[in-house]
Amino acid sequence: MTFSLIARDEITGFYGIAVASRFFAVGATIPHFGQNCAVASQALVNPMWGVAGREHLSAGMSASEALNATKILDNGQSQRQVHMIDQRGRTAAHTGADCIGWAGHLTADGVSVAGNMLENDQVIAAMMQYYNDHKTVEFASRILGAMQAGESAGGDSRGRQSASLTIHRGELFPWLDLRSDDHDAPLDEIERLLAVAQERYIHFTELMGHSDNFSGRADRTKIDAAIEQGEKERRQKGIMSASRATTKS
C-alpha cells in the first residue's frame, strides 16, 4: 500500500527515505535508520524489520546479509515488502509472494525503490530513472523529484493520503524529518515543507551538537546572517515565504 525510495547520497554520504501511500501517517512506521544505514518496511507493515534490520546493518552486515537474517525471523514474510541500504551503499530488497499487486522493487548501488498496490510497474521504473538522471540535484530535492515521477506514473492504485521525507547525515537523530500524515496531495505538501525548512530550519541545524562535537555551536551570528541573506534573495526574486506560520502582533 506504499511506494518508497531509499538512497545514500554519493557526495555527502547522507541517507534518505521518502514514502507515499493511500494510508495514514506512513512516516510513523515505515522509515528506520541507523547511524549509517536505512531500512524501509512496508506492505503489511512489520516495524520489527526496521528494528532488526538496522541492528544487523549497524553491526557491519551487508544489506543482503541483513535482509536474509531478518527475513527468517518473520513467519509473515510473504506479506512484507522491505528494502535496505548498508554502510557501503549496497542495497537489498524483498517483496513477499503475497504482497498485493502490482508489487515489486528495483535495486542498484546507492538507491532502491519498491512499491505495492501500485497502478503499474512503471511507478518504480520512473522513480529509479529520475533519481539516476538527476545526480547534480540537491539530495532532498532529488529524492522528492523521484517520488513525484512515481506519482505521475500512477502511484498508489487506491489514491493518496500521506507522505514523508527523512534524511540522516551520519547521526542517530534525523537532520530532516518531514511528514504529511493526512493530505489530498501529500508529496506536494512535503515539497512545501522542504521549502519552509530551507528558509530557517536547515540553517539552524548547523548549530546542533553531533557525534564529533557534543555541544555544537552556541554562536548564532553566522546562522542569523545566512537566514537574513536567504530572505533578501527571495525578496529580490519575488518569492514569497512558503510558511503558514503566524506572528503575534
Protein backbone atom coordinates (compact mmCIF):
# COMPACT_ATOMS: atom_id res chain seq x y z
CA MET A 1 0.00 0.00 0.00
CA THR A 2 3.01 2.20 -0.50
CA PHE A 3 5.87 3.27 -2.73
CA SER A 4 9.21 4.37 -1.36
CA LEU A 5 12.80 5.21 -2.20
CA ILE A 6 15.88 4.74 -0.04
CA ALA A 7 19.25 6.17 -1.01
CA ARG A 8 22.74 7.11 0.08
CA ASP A 9 24.00 10.34 -1.46
CA GLU A 10 27.19 9.76 -3.43
CA ILE A 11 28.65 13.15 -2.49
CA THR A 12 27.73 13.69 1.15
CA GLY A 13 27.13 10.15 2.39
CA PHE A 14 23.73 11.22 3.74
CA TYR A 15 20.96 8.59 3.92
CA GLY A 16 17.38 9.31 2.90
CA ILE A 17 13.99 7.64 2.75
CA ALA A 18 10.86 9.02 1.11
CA VAL A 19 7.48 7.30 1.23
CA ALA A 20 4.00 7.95 -0.17
CA SER A 21 0.77 6.00 0.27
CA ARG A 22 -3.01 5.92 0.47
CA PHE A 23 -2.55 5.12 4.14
CA PHE A 24 -2.41 7.30 7.22
CA ALA A 25 0.91 8.54 8.61
CA VAL A 26 3.35 6.36 6.66
CA GLY A 27 6.26 8.31 8.12
CA ALA A 28 5.44 6.91 11.57
CA THR A 29 6.05 3.24 10.76
CA ILE A 30 7.97 2.73 7.51
CA PRO A 31 11.36 4.59 7.68
CA HIS A 32 14.07 3.26 10.01
CA PHE A 33 17.66 4.50 10.32
CA GLY A 34 20.88 3.57 11.99
CA GLN A 35 23.81 5.95 12.09
CA ASN A 36 24.93 4.92 8.59
CA CYS A 37 22.19 2.70 7.20
CA ALA A 38 18.49 2.74 6.41
CA VAL A 39 15.53 0.35 6.17
CA ALA A 40 12.03 0.82 4.77
CA SER A 41 9.44 -1.76 5.91
CA GLN A 42 6.07 -1.64 4.14
CA ALA A 43 3.15 -3.64 2.63
CA LEU A 44 1.61 -5.41 5.67
CA VAL A 45 3.94 -3.35 7.82
CA ASN A 46 6.04 -5.02 10.49
CA PRO A 47 8.30 -2.36 12.08
CA MET A 48 10.42 -5.10 13.64
CA TRP A 49 12.07 -5.49 10.24
CA GLY A 50 13.31 -1.94 10.67
CA VAL A 51 14.45 -2.54 14.24
CA ALA A 52 16.28 -5.80 13.48
CA GLY A 53 17.50 -4.68 10.07
CA ARG A 54 19.24 -1.56 11.32
CA GLU A 55 20.83 -3.54 14.16
CA HIS A 56 22.30 -6.01 11.66
CA LEU A 57 23.44 -3.23 9.32
CA SER A 58 24.95 -1.21 12.17
CA ALA A 59 26.90 -4.30 13.22
CA GLY A 60 28.53 -4.38 9.79
CA MET A 61 26.38 -6.83 7.85
CA SER A 62 25.87 -6.20 4.14
CA ALA A 63 22.37 -5.29 3.00
CA SER A 64 21.77 -8.78 1.59
CA GLU A 65 23.06 -10.45 4.78
CA ALA A 66 20.90 -8.23 6.99
CA LEU A 67 17.84 -8.83 4.82
CA ASN A 68 18.24 -12.60 4.97
CA ALA A 69 18.93 -12.58 8.72
CA THR A 70 15.78 -10.56 9.32
CA LYS A 71 13.60 -12.49 6.87
CA ILE A 72 13.99 -15.77 8.73
CA LEU A 73 12.60 -14.16 11.90
CA ASP A 74 9.20 -13.39 10.37
CA ASN A 75 6.66 -16.11 9.61
CA GLY A 76 4.60 -13.45 7.84
CA GLN A 77 7.39 -12.55 5.40
CA SER A 78 5.25 -13.42 2.36
CA GLN A 79 3.15 -10.32 3.07
CA ARG A 80 6.05 -7.96 3.76
CA GLN A 81 7.96 -5.67 1.47
CA VAL A 82 11.28 -4.39 2.77
CA HIS A 83 14.35 -2.75 1.28
CA MET A 84 17.52 -1.55 2.94
CA ILE A 85 20.88 0.09 2.33
CA ASP A 86 24.10 -0.63 4.21
CA GLN A 87 27.15 1.34 5.33
CA ARG A 88 28.78 0.99 1.91
CA GLY A 89 25.68 1.95 -0.06
CA ARG A 90 24.81 -1.60 -1.09
CA THR A 91 21.08 -2.36 -1.31
CA ALA A 92 18.82 -5.38 -0.97
CA ALA A 93 15.06 -5.84 -1.18
CA HIS A 94 12.31 -8.35 -0.51
CA THR A 95 8.80 -8.35 -1.99
CA GLY A 96 6.80 -11.18 -0.47
CA ALA A 97 4.86 -13.51 -2.74
CA ASP A 98 1.55 -12.49 -1.12
CA CYS A 99 2.03 -8.71 -1.42
CA ILE A 100 -0.92 -7.16 -3.25
CA GLY A 101 -0.18 -6.22 -6.86
CA TRP A 102 1.21 -4.53 -8.59
CA ALA A 103 4.18 -5.10 -6.29
CA GLY A 104 7.91 -5.17 -6.91
CA HIS A 105 11.27 -3.49 -6.41
CA LEU A 106 14.39 -2.30 -8.23
CA THR A 107 17.81 -2.04 -6.60
CA ALA A 108 21.16 -0.54 -7.54
CA ASP A 109 24.24 0.68 -5.70
CA GLY A 110 23.21 3.66 -3.62
CA VAL A 111 19.46 3.52 -4.32
CA SER A 112 16.48 1.20 -4.07
CA VAL A 113 12.82 1.70 -4.97
CA ALA A 114 9.88 -0.51 -4.02
CA GLY A 115 6.11 -0.44 -4.02
CA ASN A 116 2.96 -2.48 -3.62
CA MET A 117 -0.69 -1.91 -4.53
CA LEU A 118 0.64 0.28 -7.33
CA GLU A 119 -1.12 1.31 -10.52
CA ASN A 120 1.55 -0.41 -12.62
CA ASP A 121 5.21 -1.37 -12.83
CA GLN A 122 6.11 1.99 -14.36
CA VAL A 123 5.81 3.67 -10.96
CA ILE A 124 9.09 2.32 -9.61
CA ALA A 125 10.73 2.42 -13.05
CA ALA A 126 10.01 6.17 -13.28
CA MET A 127 11.35 6.71 -9.76
CA MET A 128 14.60 4.93 -10.50
CA GLN A 129 15.08 6.70 -13.81
CA TYR A 130 14.51 10.15 -12.33
CA TYR A 131 16.91 9.51 -9.47
CA ASN A 132 19.63 8.22 -11.78
CA ASP A 133 19.13 11.05 -14.29
CA HIS A 134 19.43 13.89 -11.75
CA LYS A 135 22.74 13.31 -10.00
CA THR A 136 23.54 17.03 -9.76
CA VAL A 137 20.29 17.91 -7.97
CA GLU A 138 20.45 18.51 -4.21
CA PHE A 139 19.76 15.25 -2.36
CA ALA A 140 16.37 16.04 -0.77
CA SER A 141 15.01 17.56 -3.97
CA ARG A 142 16.36 14.65 -6.00
CA ILE A 143 14.52 12.16 -3.79
CA LEU A 144 11.28 14.14 -3.92
CA GLY A 145 11.57 14.53 -7.68
CA ALA A 146 11.82 10.76 -7.99
CA MET A 147 8.76 10.31 -5.79
CA GLN A 148 6.78 12.79 -7.89
CA ALA A 149 7.85 10.88 -11.01
CA GLY A 150 6.39 7.75 -9.44
CA GLU A 151 3.18 9.58 -8.59
CA SER A 152 2.91 10.86 -12.17
CA ALA A 153 3.37 7.31 -13.47
CA GLY A 154 0.35 6.13 -11.47
CA GLY A 155 1.39 5.94 -7.83
CA ASP A 156 -0.70 4.03 -5.31
CA SER A 157 -3.64 2.42 -7.15
CA ARG A 158 -6.05 3.47 -4.35
CA GLY A 159 -5.18 7.16 -4.21
CA ARG A 160 -3.19 9.47 -1.92
CA GLN A 161 -3.13 10.28 1.77
CA SER A 162 0.30 10.60 3.38
CA ALA A 163 3.99 11.00 2.63
CA SER A 164 7.27 11.57 4.42
CA LEU A 165 10.88 12.54 3.76
CA THR A 166 13.60 11.73 6.28
CA ILE A 167 17.33 12.38 5.91
CA HIS A 168 20.11 11.37 8.30
CA ARG A 169 23.65 12.67 7.98
CA GLY A 170 25.74 10.23 9.99
CA GLU A 171 23.83 10.56 13.25
CA LEU A 172 21.20 8.52 15.08
CA PHE A 173 18.89 11.54 15.02
CA PRO A 174 17.46 12.91 11.76
CA TRP A 175 18.77 16.02 10.10
CA LEU A 176 15.46 16.49 8.31
CA ASP A 177 12.18 14.72 9.11
CA LEU A 178 9.13 15.96 7.21
CA ARG A 179 5.69 14.34 7.31
CA SER A 180 2.30 14.93 5.76
CA ASP A 181 0.02 12.47 7.55
CA ASP A 182 -3.40 13.17 6.01
CA HIS A 183 -3.45 15.26 2.83
CA ASP A 184 -5.02 15.16 -0.63
CA ALA A 185 -1.62 15.91 -2.24
CA PRO A 186 0.92 14.73 0.35
CA LEU A 187 4.03 14.87 -1.83
CA ASP A 188 3.21 18.46 -2.80
CA GLU A 189 2.88 19.22 0.91
CA ILE A 190 6.30 17.67 1.60
CA GLU A 191 7.77 19.91 -1.11
CA ARG A 192 6.22 22.94 0.60
CA LEU A 193 7.59 21.85 3.96
CA LEU A 194 11.04 21.42 2.43
CA ALA A 195 10.85 24.98 1.13
CA VAL A 196 9.86 26.18 4.62
CA ALA A 197 12.74 24.21 6.16
CA GLN A 198 15.18 25.89 3.79
CA GLU A 199 14.09 29.33 4.98
CA ARG A 200 15.26 28.96 8.59
CA TYR A 201 15.32 25.42 9.96
CA ILE A 202 18.13 23.97 7.86
CA HIS A 203 20.35 26.93 8.79
CA PHE A 204 19.51 26.30 12.45
CA THR A 205 20.64 22.66 12.22
CA GLU A 206 24.21 23.91 11.77
CA LEU A 207 24.14 24.88 15.46
CA MET A 208 23.21 21.40 16.66
CA GLY A 209 25.53 19.07 18.53
CA HIS A 210 26.73 15.91 16.82
CA SER A 211 28.95 12.87 17.41
CA ASP A 212 32.16 14.79 16.84
CA ASN A 213 31.08 17.88 18.80
CA PHE A 214 28.52 17.24 21.54
CA SER A 215 27.96 20.94 22.22
CA GLY A 216 27.60 22.08 18.64
CA ARG A 217 27.90 25.83 18.17
CA ALA A 218 26.30 28.32 20.52
CA ASP A 219 27.09 31.34 18.32
CA ARG A 220 24.03 32.31 16.27
CA THR A 221 25.77 35.09 14.35
CA LYS A 222 26.56 33.19 11.14
CA ILE A 223 23.22 31.40 11.18
CA ASP A 224 21.26 34.63 11.56
CA ALA A 225 23.28 36.14 8.72
CA ALA A 226 22.54 33.16 6.45
CA ILE A 227 18.83 33.37 7.22
CA GLU A 228 18.81 37.12 6.51
CA GLN A 229 20.69 36.62 3.25
CA GLY A 230 18.22 33.96 2.15
CA GLU A 231 15.29 36.24 2.90
CA LYS A 232 16.92 39.03 0.92
CA GLU A 233 17.49 36.80 -2.10
CA ARG A 234 13.88 35.58 -2.05
CA ARG A 235 12.58 39.15 -1.91
CA GLN A 236 14.76 40.11 -4.87
CA LYS A 237 13.31 37.20 -6.85
CA GLY A 238 9.75 37.99 -5.74
CA ILE A 239 9.43 34.67 -3.92
CA MET A 240 7.05 34.69 -1.00
CA SER A 241 7.67 32.62 2.10
CA ALA A 242 6.18 29.12 1.86
CA SER A 243 5.43 29.12 5.59
CA ARG A 244 1.93 29.27 7.05
CA ALA A 245 3.19 30.37 10.45
CA THR A 246 1.52 33.31 12.18
CA THR A 247 3.16 36.00 14.28
CA LYS A 248 1.57 37.74 17.27
CA SER A 249 1.43 41.49 16.99
